[in-house]
Amino acid sequence: MEYPQLAKRVELVDQDRLKELICSRFSIAKEAFDGLVFFQSNRRLVSLVNADHMPPVGHRVQATGLPFVHTGMAMPKLTTAATFFIGSRAKRNVIDLTHSQTDAFLSREMVILLDGQLDSCSDAGYVIVRHQGVIVGLGFLRVSDDGCATLESYFPKSWSIEQGSTAFDGPGARP
């Protein structure tokens, strides 16, 4: 099957709506997407590519662009690649973790959040996770009726560390 024309796939995505959704959720300047366009990669995934991108003529294209957001759910979910792409620009719905919380997050464990860690969060939902200012990944913030906040880790399984271990051991470890 031939990869359909990129221009046709760009038309399938409401560019302004998707940019607004991402920019408003994470308080990112819309200029972050200047010169870029979203396109429908497949029925469940929207990817991002340079607006002037031209796939090579005469070659079968398997994939192009940066996988960006999973669609078809109540709240579209950023891919890990997208999280790292926009994470440093985000000002809202960002959670900074402590050392031990980061290890739990990297182990894909549920993280109990402390007072003050929700200061930049507007509501429950997807959040960008950092440790000491470095983007770590995407998580899902849940706040119970009694005010207890937990963070579900969406750190990729294939990258995760063993539960109970730390990512901060070794010669390059920081206290």
N, C-alpha and C. Protein backbone atom coordinates (compact mmCIF):
# COMPACT_ATOMS: atom_id res chain seq x y z
N MET A 1 0.84 -1.19 0.00
CA MET A 1 0.00 0.00 0.00
C MET A 1 0.88 1.24 0.00
N GLU A 2 0.62 2.15 -0.86
CA GLU A 2 1.37 3.40 -0.93
C GLU A 2 1.00 4.31 0.23
N TYR A 3 1.98 5.04 0.72
CA TYR A 3 1.73 6.03 1.76
C TYR A 3 1.01 7.21 1.13
N PRO A 4 -0.22 7.50 1.57
CA PRO A 4 -0.97 8.59 0.93
C PRO A 4 -0.22 9.92 1.01
N GLN A 5 -0.52 10.78 0.08
CA GLN A 5 0.12 12.08 0.01
C GLN A 5 0.05 12.80 1.35
N LEU A 6 1.16 13.38 1.74
CA LEU A 6 1.24 14.09 3.01
C LEU A 6 0.23 15.23 3.06
N ALA A 7 0.08 15.95 1.96
CA ALA A 7 -0.86 17.08 1.94
C ALA A 7 -2.27 16.64 2.28
N LYS A 8 -2.67 15.47 1.80
CA LYS A 8 -4.01 14.96 2.11
C LYS A 8 -4.13 14.63 3.60
N ARG A 9 -3.06 14.11 4.16
CA ARG A 9 -3.09 13.72 5.57
C ARG A 9 -3.05 14.95 6.49
N VAL A 10 -2.44 16.04 6.03
CA VAL A 10 -2.44 17.29 6.80
C VAL A 10 -3.86 17.85 6.88
N GLU A 11 -4.59 17.73 5.79
CA GLU A 11 -5.97 18.25 5.75
C GLU A 11 -6.90 17.51 6.70
N LEU A 12 -6.54 16.31 7.09
CA LEU A 12 -7.39 15.51 7.99
C LEU A 12 -7.33 15.99 9.44
N VAL A 13 -6.37 16.85 9.76
CA VAL A 13 -6.18 17.30 11.14
C VAL A 13 -6.57 18.77 11.26
N ASP A 14 -7.37 19.08 12.26
CA ASP A 14 -7.73 20.47 12.54
C ASP A 14 -6.53 21.11 13.26
N GLN A 15 -5.66 21.75 12.46
CA GLN A 15 -4.40 22.30 12.95
C GLN A 15 -4.60 23.25 14.14
N ASP A 16 -5.51 24.22 13.97
CA ASP A 16 -5.72 25.22 15.01
C ASP A 16 -6.25 24.61 16.29
N ARG A 17 -7.20 23.70 16.17
CA ARG A 17 -7.80 23.07 17.36
C ARG A 17 -6.76 22.26 18.14
N LEU A 18 -5.94 21.48 17.43
CA LEU A 18 -4.94 20.66 18.11
C LEU A 18 -3.87 21.52 18.76
N LYS A 19 -3.40 22.55 18.06
CA LYS A 19 -2.42 23.47 18.65
C LYS A 19 -3.00 24.14 19.89
N GLU A 20 -4.24 24.59 19.80
CA GLU A 20 -4.89 25.25 20.94
C GLU A 20 -5.02 24.29 22.12
N LEU A 21 -5.40 23.07 21.86
CA LEU A 21 -5.55 22.07 22.92
C LEU A 21 -4.22 21.86 23.66
N ILE A 22 -3.15 21.68 22.92
CA ILE A 22 -1.83 21.44 23.52
C ILE A 22 -1.30 22.70 24.19
N CYS A 23 -1.40 23.82 23.50
CA CYS A 23 -0.87 25.08 24.05
C CYS A 23 -1.62 25.51 25.31
N SER A 24 -2.93 25.33 25.33
CA SER A 24 -3.68 25.74 26.52
C SER A 24 -3.46 24.78 27.67
N ARG A 25 -3.37 23.49 27.41
CA ARG A 25 -3.15 22.51 28.49
C ARG A 25 -1.82 22.74 29.18
N PHE A 26 -0.78 23.03 28.41
CA PHE A 26 0.57 23.13 28.97
C PHE A 26 1.12 24.55 28.98
N SER A 27 0.29 25.52 28.64
CA SER A 27 0.70 26.93 28.60
C SER A 27 1.98 27.11 27.77
N ILE A 28 1.88 26.69 26.54
CA ILE A 28 3.00 26.79 25.60
C ILE A 28 2.64 27.85 24.57
N ALA A 29 3.59 28.68 24.20
CA ALA A 29 3.37 29.69 23.17
C ALA A 29 3.10 29.00 21.84
N LYS A 30 2.10 29.48 21.12
CA LYS A 30 1.75 28.87 19.82
C LYS A 30 2.90 28.94 18.83
N GLU A 31 3.79 29.89 19.03
CA GLU A 31 4.95 30.04 18.14
C GLU A 31 5.85 28.80 18.17
N ALA A 32 5.72 27.97 19.19
CA ALA A 32 6.51 26.74 19.27
C ALA A 32 6.22 25.83 18.07
N PHE A 33 5.06 26.03 17.45
CA PHE A 33 4.67 25.19 16.32
C PHE A 33 4.80 25.91 14.97
N ASP A 34 5.41 27.09 14.97
CA ASP A 34 5.62 27.80 13.70
C ASP A 34 6.48 26.95 12.77
N GLY A 35 6.06 26.86 11.52
CA GLY A 35 6.81 26.10 10.52
C GLY A 35 6.58 24.61 10.60
N LEU A 36 5.64 24.18 11.45
CA LEU A 36 5.36 22.75 11.62
C LEU A 36 3.89 22.49 11.33
N VAL A 37 3.57 21.29 10.89
CA VAL A 37 2.17 20.91 10.68
C VAL A 37 1.93 19.51 11.24
N PHE A 38 0.70 19.31 11.66
CA PHE A 38 0.28 17.99 12.12
C PHE A 38 -0.31 17.24 10.93
N PHE A 39 -0.18 15.95 10.93
CA PHE A 39 -0.83 15.13 9.90
C PHE A 39 -1.26 13.80 10.51
N GLN A 40 -2.28 13.22 9.93
CA GLN A 40 -2.82 11.95 10.41
C GLN A 40 -1.92 10.82 9.94
N SER A 41 -1.15 10.21 10.87
CA SER A 41 -0.24 9.11 10.52
C SER A 41 -1.01 7.84 10.24
N ASN A 42 -1.95 7.56 11.13
CA ASN A 42 -2.87 6.43 10.97
C ASN A 42 -4.13 6.80 11.73
N ARG A 43 -5.06 5.90 11.86
CA ARG A 43 -6.34 6.31 12.44
C ARG A 43 -6.27 6.66 13.92
N ARG A 44 -5.18 6.28 14.60
CA ARG A 44 -5.07 6.58 16.03
C ARG A 44 -3.92 7.52 16.38
N LEU A 45 -3.15 7.97 15.41
CA LEU A 45 -1.95 8.75 15.71
C LEU A 45 -1.83 9.95 14.78
N VAL A 46 -1.52 11.10 15.39
CA VAL A 46 -1.21 12.32 14.64
C VAL A 46 0.27 12.58 14.85
N SER A 47 0.96 12.89 13.77
CA SER A 47 2.40 13.17 13.83
C SER A 47 2.66 14.62 13.46
N LEU A 48 3.90 15.05 13.65
CA LEU A 48 4.32 16.43 13.40
C LEU A 48 5.49 16.40 12.43
N VAL A 49 5.47 17.35 11.50
CA VAL A 49 6.53 17.41 10.50
C VAL A 49 6.75 18.87 10.11
N ASN A 50 7.91 19.20 9.56
CA ASN A 50 8.14 20.54 9.03
C ASN A 50 7.13 20.82 7.93
N ALA A 51 6.62 22.02 7.88
CA ALA A 51 5.60 22.39 6.90
C ALA A 51 6.11 22.23 5.47
N ASP A 52 7.40 22.39 5.26
CA ASP A 52 7.94 22.28 3.90
C ASP A 52 8.49 20.88 3.59
N HIS A 53 8.19 19.92 4.45
CA HIS A 53 8.70 18.55 4.24
C HIS A 53 8.13 17.95 2.96
N MET A 54 8.99 17.36 2.18
CA MET A 54 8.59 16.68 0.95
C MET A 54 9.14 15.26 1.00
N PRO A 55 8.28 14.26 1.17
CA PRO A 55 8.77 12.88 1.15
C PRO A 55 9.46 12.58 -0.18
N PRO A 56 10.46 11.74 -0.19
CA PRO A 56 11.19 11.45 -1.42
C PRO A 56 10.27 10.83 -2.48
N VAL A 57 10.42 11.30 -3.69
CA VAL A 57 9.62 10.81 -4.81
C VAL A 57 10.22 9.49 -5.30
N GLY A 58 9.36 8.56 -5.61
CA GLY A 58 9.83 7.30 -6.18
C GLY A 58 10.25 6.27 -5.15
N HIS A 59 10.12 6.59 -3.89
CA HIS A 59 10.48 5.65 -2.83
C HIS A 59 9.25 5.38 -1.97
N ARG A 60 9.14 4.17 -1.55
CA ARG A 60 8.03 3.82 -0.67
C ARG A 60 8.32 4.36 0.73
N VAL A 61 7.46 5.21 1.23
CA VAL A 61 7.65 5.82 2.55
C VAL A 61 6.90 4.99 3.58
N GLN A 62 7.62 4.51 4.59
CA GLN A 62 7.00 3.73 5.66
C GLN A 62 6.41 4.64 6.72
N ALA A 63 7.14 5.69 7.04
CA ALA A 63 6.70 6.64 8.07
C ALA A 63 7.49 7.92 7.90
N THR A 64 6.91 9.00 8.40
CA THR A 64 7.59 10.29 8.35
C THR A 64 7.15 11.12 9.53
N GLY A 65 7.99 12.02 9.98
CA GLY A 65 7.62 12.93 11.06
C GLY A 65 7.82 12.36 12.45
N LEU A 66 7.42 13.16 13.43
CA LEU A 66 7.53 12.82 14.85
C LEU A 66 6.16 12.38 15.35
N PRO A 67 6.01 11.12 15.77
CA PRO A 67 4.73 10.71 16.35
C PRO A 67 4.40 11.65 17.51
N PHE A 68 3.21 12.24 17.50
CA PHE A 68 2.96 13.32 18.45
C PHE A 68 1.83 13.08 19.44
N VAL A 69 0.68 12.68 18.97
CA VAL A 69 -0.45 12.54 19.89
C VAL A 69 -1.34 11.38 19.47
N HIS A 70 -1.74 10.59 20.48
CA HIS A 70 -2.70 9.50 20.26
C HIS A 70 -4.10 10.10 20.33
N THR A 71 -4.89 9.84 19.32
CA THR A 71 -6.24 10.39 19.27
C THR A 71 -7.25 9.27 19.54
N GLY A 72 -8.51 9.60 19.45
CA GLY A 72 -9.54 8.58 19.62
C GLY A 72 -9.84 8.27 21.06
N MET A 73 -9.45 9.14 21.97
CA MET A 73 -9.78 8.97 23.38
C MET A 73 -10.32 10.30 23.90
N ALA A 74 -10.93 10.28 25.05
CA ALA A 74 -11.55 11.49 25.60
C ALA A 74 -10.55 12.64 25.70
N MET A 75 -9.34 12.33 26.13
CA MET A 75 -8.29 13.33 26.27
C MET A 75 -7.09 12.85 25.46
N PRO A 76 -6.78 13.49 24.31
CA PRO A 76 -5.64 13.03 23.51
C PRO A 76 -4.36 12.96 24.34
N LYS A 77 -3.57 11.92 24.10
CA LYS A 77 -2.36 11.65 24.89
C LYS A 77 -1.10 11.91 24.07
N LEU A 78 -0.21 12.73 24.61
CA LEU A 78 1.07 12.98 23.95
C LEU A 78 1.90 11.69 23.91
N THR A 79 2.65 11.53 22.85
CA THR A 79 3.61 10.43 22.80
C THR A 79 4.81 10.82 23.66
N THR A 80 5.67 9.85 23.94
CA THR A 80 6.89 10.14 24.69
C THR A 80 7.75 11.14 23.92
N ALA A 81 7.85 10.96 22.61
CA ALA A 81 8.63 11.88 21.77
C ALA A 81 8.09 13.30 21.86
N ALA A 82 6.77 13.44 21.81
CA ALA A 82 6.15 14.76 21.91
C ALA A 82 6.39 15.39 23.27
N THR A 83 6.35 14.57 24.31
CA THR A 83 6.58 15.07 25.67
C THR A 83 7.98 15.68 25.76
N PHE A 84 8.96 15.00 25.21
CA PHE A 84 10.32 15.54 25.23
C PHE A 84 10.47 16.74 24.30
N PHE A 85 9.72 16.77 23.22
CA PHE A 85 9.78 17.88 22.28
C PHE A 85 9.23 19.17 22.88
N ILE A 86 8.08 19.11 23.56
CA ILE A 86 7.46 20.32 24.09
C ILE A 86 7.70 20.54 25.58
N GLY A 87 8.20 19.53 26.27
CA GLY A 87 8.31 19.59 27.73
C GLY A 87 9.03 20.79 28.29
N SER A 88 10.11 21.19 27.69
CA SER A 88 10.88 22.33 28.21
C SER A 88 10.15 23.65 28.03
N ARG A 89 9.16 23.69 27.15
CA ARG A 89 8.39 24.91 26.91
C ARG A 89 7.17 25.02 27.82
N ALA A 90 6.78 23.92 28.45
CA ALA A 90 5.55 23.88 29.24
C ALA A 90 5.69 24.68 30.53
N LYS A 91 4.63 25.43 30.84
CA LYS A 91 4.59 26.23 32.07
C LYS A 91 3.44 25.80 32.99
N ARG A 92 2.51 25.04 32.45
CA ARG A 92 1.35 24.58 33.23
C ARG A 92 1.24 23.07 33.10
N ASN A 93 0.68 22.45 34.15
CA ASN A 93 0.52 21.00 34.20
C ASN A 93 1.86 20.29 34.07
N VAL A 94 2.79 20.79 34.87
CA VAL A 94 4.14 20.23 34.97
C VAL A 94 4.35 19.89 36.44
N ILE A 95 4.88 18.71 36.70
CA ILE A 95 5.14 18.29 38.08
C ILE A 95 6.62 17.98 38.23
N ASP A 96 7.24 18.59 39.23
CA ASP A 96 8.63 18.32 39.56
C ASP A 96 8.67 17.28 40.67
N LEU A 97 9.44 16.22 40.45
CA LEU A 97 9.52 15.13 41.41
C LEU A 97 10.81 15.18 42.22
N THR A 98 10.73 14.61 43.41
CA THR A 98 11.93 14.45 44.24
C THR A 98 12.74 13.27 43.68
N HIS A 99 13.89 13.07 44.26
CA HIS A 99 14.78 11.97 43.86
C HIS A 99 14.06 10.63 43.96
N SER A 100 13.49 10.32 45.12
CA SER A 100 12.84 9.02 45.32
C SER A 100 11.56 8.90 44.47
N GLN A 101 10.85 9.98 44.30
CA GLN A 101 9.66 9.95 43.45
C GLN A 101 10.04 9.67 41.99
N THR A 102 11.18 10.24 41.56
CA THR A 102 11.64 10.02 40.19
C THR A 102 11.97 8.54 39.97
N ASP A 103 12.62 7.92 40.94
CA ASP A 103 12.90 6.49 40.83
C ASP A 103 11.61 5.69 40.73
N ALA A 104 10.61 6.04 41.53
CA ALA A 104 9.32 5.35 41.47
C ALA A 104 8.67 5.57 40.10
N PHE A 105 8.73 6.79 39.58
CA PHE A 105 8.16 7.11 38.27
C PHE A 105 8.85 6.29 37.18
N LEU A 106 10.19 6.22 37.23
CA LEU A 106 10.96 5.47 36.24
C LEU A 106 10.72 3.96 36.35
N SER A 107 10.21 3.52 37.50
CA SER A 107 9.86 2.11 37.71
C SER A 107 8.40 1.84 37.36
N ARG A 108 7.70 2.88 36.90
CA ARG A 108 6.29 2.80 36.52
C ARG A 108 5.37 2.53 37.71
N GLU A 109 5.78 3.00 38.87
CA GLU A 109 4.96 2.87 40.07
C GLU A 109 4.07 4.10 40.21
N MET A 110 2.99 3.95 40.97
CA MET A 110 2.13 5.08 41.30
C MET A 110 2.90 5.96 42.29
N VAL A 111 2.90 7.27 42.06
CA VAL A 111 3.64 8.20 42.91
C VAL A 111 2.64 9.05 43.69
N ILE A 112 2.82 9.09 45.01
CA ILE A 112 1.98 9.97 45.85
C ILE A 112 2.66 11.33 45.87
N LEU A 113 1.91 12.36 45.53
CA LEU A 113 2.47 13.70 45.43
C LEU A 113 2.32 14.46 46.74
N LEU A 114 3.22 15.39 46.95
CA LEU A 114 3.26 16.18 48.18
C LEU A 114 2.62 17.54 47.98
N ASP A 115 2.28 18.19 49.08
CA ASP A 115 1.76 19.55 49.00
C ASP A 115 2.76 20.42 48.25
N GLY A 116 2.27 21.27 47.40
CA GLY A 116 3.13 22.17 46.64
C GLY A 116 3.54 21.63 45.28
N GLN A 117 3.43 20.33 45.07
CA GLN A 117 3.83 19.77 43.78
C GLN A 117 2.78 20.00 42.70
N LEU A 118 1.61 20.44 43.09
CA LEU A 118 0.54 20.68 42.13
C LEU A 118 0.36 22.15 41.80
N ASP A 119 1.27 22.98 42.23
CA ASP A 119 1.12 24.43 42.06
C ASP A 119 0.92 24.86 40.61
N SER A 120 1.52 24.16 39.66
CA SER A 120 1.36 24.56 38.25
C SER A 120 0.27 23.77 37.55
N CYS A 121 -0.46 22.94 38.28
CA CYS A 121 -1.47 22.09 37.66
C CYS A 121 -2.85 22.74 37.71
N SER A 122 -3.56 22.68 36.59
CA SER A 122 -4.89 23.27 36.51
C SER A 122 -5.97 22.28 36.90
N ASP A 123 -5.74 21.00 36.63
CA ASP A 123 -6.72 19.97 36.96
C ASP A 123 -6.09 18.59 36.74
N ALA A 124 -6.86 17.56 37.00
CA ALA A 124 -6.39 16.20 36.76
C ALA A 124 -6.21 16.01 35.26
N GLY A 125 -5.41 15.04 34.90
CA GLY A 125 -5.16 14.74 33.49
C GLY A 125 -3.68 14.55 33.22
N TYR A 126 -3.33 14.63 31.96
CA TYR A 126 -1.94 14.42 31.57
C TYR A 126 -1.07 15.57 32.04
N VAL A 127 0.11 15.21 32.55
CA VAL A 127 1.08 16.20 33.03
C VAL A 127 2.47 15.82 32.53
N ILE A 128 3.29 16.82 32.39
CA ILE A 128 4.69 16.61 32.03
C ILE A 128 5.47 16.50 33.33
N VAL A 129 6.33 15.50 33.41
CA VAL A 129 7.05 15.19 34.64
C VAL A 129 8.52 15.55 34.48
N ARG A 130 9.05 16.23 35.51
CA ARG A 130 10.46 16.64 35.50
C ARG A 130 11.14 16.23 36.80
N HIS A 131 12.46 16.19 36.74
CA HIS A 131 13.30 16.04 37.93
C HIS A 131 14.46 17.01 37.76
N GLN A 132 14.60 17.91 38.70
CA GLN A 132 15.65 18.94 38.68
C GLN A 132 15.67 19.66 37.34
N GLY A 133 14.48 19.96 36.80
CA GLY A 133 14.35 20.71 35.56
C GLY A 133 14.50 19.90 34.29
N VAL A 134 14.79 18.62 34.40
CA VAL A 134 14.98 17.75 33.24
C VAL A 134 13.68 16.98 32.98
N ILE A 135 13.22 16.98 31.74
CA ILE A 135 12.00 16.26 31.39
C ILE A 135 12.24 14.76 31.56
N VAL A 136 11.32 14.11 32.27
CA VAL A 136 11.43 12.68 32.53
C VAL A 136 10.38 11.90 31.73
N GLY A 137 9.21 12.49 31.52
CA GLY A 137 8.19 11.78 30.76
C GLY A 137 6.80 12.35 30.98
N LEU A 138 5.82 11.55 30.63
CA LEU A 138 4.41 11.92 30.75
C LEU A 138 3.77 11.09 31.84
N GLY A 139 2.90 11.73 32.61
CA GLY A 139 2.15 11.02 33.63
C GLY A 139 0.71 11.46 33.62
N PHE A 140 -0.10 10.80 34.43
CA PHE A 140 -1.51 11.15 34.55
C PHE A 140 -1.80 11.47 36.00
N LEU A 141 -2.21 12.71 36.24
CA LEU A 141 -2.51 13.20 37.59
C LEU A 141 -3.94 12.84 37.95
N ARG A 142 -4.09 12.24 39.13
CA ARG A 142 -5.41 11.94 39.69
C ARG A 142 -5.50 12.59 41.07
N VAL A 143 -6.63 13.22 41.34
CA VAL A 143 -6.84 13.82 42.65
C VAL A 143 -8.15 13.25 43.19
N SER A 144 -8.05 12.58 44.34
CA SER A 144 -9.23 11.95 44.93
C SER A 144 -10.10 12.99 45.62
N ASP A 145 -11.30 12.58 46.01
CA ASP A 145 -12.23 13.48 46.69
C ASP A 145 -11.65 14.04 47.99
N ASP A 146 -10.78 13.27 48.64
CA ASP A 146 -10.19 13.74 49.90
C ASP A 146 -8.93 14.59 49.66
N GLY A 147 -8.61 14.87 48.39
CA GLY A 147 -7.49 15.76 48.07
C GLY A 147 -6.15 15.06 47.88
N CYS A 148 -6.13 13.75 47.99
CA CYS A 148 -4.88 12.99 47.81
C CYS A 148 -4.55 12.97 46.32
N ALA A 149 -3.35 13.41 45.97
CA ALA A 149 -2.93 13.47 44.56
C ALA A 149 -1.94 12.36 44.27
N THR A 150 -2.21 11.63 43.20
CA THR A 150 -1.30 10.57 42.76
C THR A 150 -0.95 10.78 41.29
N LEU A 151 0.20 10.27 40.94
CA LEU A 151 0.71 10.38 39.58
C LEU A 151 0.92 8.99 39.02
N GLU A 152 0.22 8.68 37.93
CA GLU A 152 0.41 7.41 37.24
C GLU A 152 1.51 7.61 36.20
N SER A 153 2.49 6.74 36.22
CA SER A 153 3.62 6.85 35.30
C SER A 153 3.29 6.26 33.94
N TYR A 154 3.56 7.03 32.89
CA TYR A 154 3.46 6.54 31.53
C TYR A 154 4.85 6.40 30.92
N PHE A 155 5.85 6.21 31.78
CA PHE A 155 7.21 6.02 31.31
C PHE A 155 7.25 4.71 30.51
N PRO A 156 7.91 4.70 29.36
CA PRO A 156 7.92 3.49 28.52
C PRO A 156 8.45 2.26 29.27
N LYS A 157 7.71 1.16 29.16
CA LYS A 157 8.10 -0.09 29.83
C LYS A 157 9.51 -0.51 29.46
N SER A 158 9.85 -0.39 28.19
CA SER A 158 11.16 -0.85 27.73
C SER A 158 12.31 0.00 28.26
N TRP A 159 12.01 1.18 28.78
CA TRP A 159 13.04 2.05 29.35
C TRP A 159 13.05 2.01 30.87
N SER A 160 12.06 1.39 31.47
CA SER A 160 11.88 1.47 32.92
C SER A 160 13.00 0.77 33.68
N ILE A 161 13.14 1.17 34.93
CA ILE A 161 14.11 0.54 35.82
C ILE A 161 13.36 -0.42 36.74
N GLU A 162 14.08 -1.34 37.32
CA GLU A 162 13.48 -2.33 38.22
C GLU A 162 12.97 -1.63 39.48
N GLN A 163 11.80 -2.05 39.95
CA GLN A 163 11.24 -1.46 41.17
C GLN A 163 12.22 -1.63 42.32
N GLY A 164 12.38 -0.57 43.09
CA GLY A 164 13.29 -0.59 44.22
C GLY A 164 14.71 -0.18 43.87
N SER A 165 15.02 -0.07 42.59
CA SER A 165 16.37 0.37 42.21
C SER A 165 16.34 1.87 41.96
N THR A 166 17.51 2.41 41.67
CA THR A 166 17.59 3.84 41.44
C THR A 166 18.31 4.14 40.13
N ALA A 167 17.94 5.22 39.53
CA ALA A 167 18.58 5.66 38.29
C ALA A 167 19.77 6.56 38.61
N PHE A 168 20.03 6.78 39.88
CA PHE A 168 21.03 7.76 40.27
C PHE A 168 22.28 7.16 40.87
N ASP A 169 22.48 5.85 40.78
CA ASP A 169 23.69 5.21 41.27
C ASP A 169 24.80 5.34 40.24
N GLY A 170 25.99 5.10 40.67
CA GLY A 170 27.11 5.06 39.73
C GLY A 170 27.94 6.32 39.77
N PRO A 171 28.98 6.36 38.93
CA PRO A 171 29.94 7.47 38.95
C PRO A 171 29.31 8.83 38.62
N GLY A 172 28.26 8.83 37.84
CA GLY A 172 27.64 10.12 37.47
C GLY A 172 26.48 10.50 38.38
N ALA A 173 26.27 9.75 39.46
CA ALA A 173 25.13 10.01 40.34
C ALA A 173 25.27 11.32 41.06
N ARG A 174 24.11 11.98 41.21
CA ARG A 174 24.07 13.25 41.94
C ARG A 174 23.29 13.02 43.23
N PRO A 175 23.68 13.70 44.29
CA PRO A 175 22.94 13.53 45.55
C PRO A 175 21.54 14.08 45.45
